Amino acid sequence: MNARFPLPADPAPPLLIEGAEVLLPEGRARVSVRIEAGVITGLDVAPDGARRLAAPGLLLAPALVDIHGDAFERQLMPRPGVLLPVEAALLETDRQLAANGIATAYHALTLSWEPGLRSVQMGWDILGTLNRIAARLTVENRLQLRWETFCFEALPLIETALTGPLTPALAFNDHTSMALLHPGTPLQDRPFEHSPHYPVVDLESPGFAAKMAVRAARSQMEVAEYVALIGRVWQRRPEVPPVLAQVAALGRAAGAPMLSHDDTQPETRDFYRALGARISEFPMNLATARAARAAGDALVFGAPNAARGGSHLGSPGAAAMLAEGLCDILASDYYYPAMLSAVARPAADKAAPLPRLWDLVSGGPARALGLTDRGTIAPGLRADLVLVDWPEGHAPAVRRTLVAGRMAYGAEAAG
């Protein structure tokens, strides 16, 4: 069972939010919402002594659930090679989440063989720090263990994290094979990573060294040193499948939701589904997305692409996938404000009804992650709510974020 964020031990008095348009699964309704002990206890019920929060002109909606966000890395390393203290970075990330209406966040913590920002040591630091400062955080900060499948050193951390108080998600991520792809093969069409015919770049070519420059800077290494390291790691390739099976077994035993990342072939999706990963995160072409849908897998796309109107990598855009019926979830990816913007753009274009669009950032991710206590507004569910100022023809802005009925963020407009 997926571990839960605790409800308040000493809850505030009951609260009645009234005057807002409430986003319910079936549409908008002007009803009051009563909250007690962190839970929604009724719609349009008597105040019964509750404090009253008037919210005329605002939209009251389920708070956002972010299945994959790595913008926290910018707080940790705002410039290449410049690392800041982990605790301060995570506290700042928490504030950004609350201000953007995100009540549940799965931080995409890359566990890589690289040193530096995405190293296993950094993973230990982040896991330990989140546990130590949990009582100071305003929203539910969880982890997506974004495991680089060539990084065998991460297994002890994965085992430890899977037994923690908040069950993490587990994502299978193979950027090693992606990095070593021969330039003659488009990234979006690369073969199944474990294929014996996988086309590999010449590691000694100048073009490959140039391609590795950004990674080297992130790892605080010289380019030649980084190229030598990835060459040594590539020699582990025959050992990867059995280690994958071992890690997937750990995930299944813990009841962790599991994802595969950047799938490019139906064969890839079939492989990870057989391991228990029923979420396809950022499939990179239409055929793979359709295969995932046919098998009943949940499909995740990036909210920044939906907000921008296309992918910066040339992969299928979220708007196109939504039109095809191939998008269940929008993730913040690298920019937390994108989740709300990604709802606003197709809403303005009338691409789908607002409850369907909002479900992409609330109920959809909650269901995929096994978080059955949130993601919609209904009696008995956790009071994770967001009040949004959204005048016609303008961008939406968060005014209040409630997490289990507790005020995580509040702002008043100057006017």
Foldseek 3Di string as FASTA:
>chain_A
DFFDDDFDPDDDFKEKEAQAFEQFLVGTDRWIWIADSQFTADTNDDCVPHHYDYFHQWYKWFFFAFQEEAQLLCLQPVDQPDGDDLLVSVQVVLLVCFQLRHQHYAYAQADDPFAASNHLVVVVVNVVSCVVCVVVGLHHYHHAHAYQLLRLVNVVVLLVQLPDNGHHAYEYEHVLLLLFQAPVDQSLAFDQSLDPPGHGHDLPDPVSLVVCPSVCSNSVHRSVVVSVVSVVSVVCSVVRVVVLLVSLVSCVVSVFAYEYEQARDCVNVVVVVVSPHQEYECDFEDVNLVSSVVVPGAYEDELVQLLVVHDPSRGGGPLVCVLVVRHQAYHPYNHSNSLQSSLVVVVLVPSDHSSSSQLNGFVSVCVSRVNPQGRGDDGPHRPFMWIWNDDPPDRIGTAFTAGSNHTSDHDDDPD
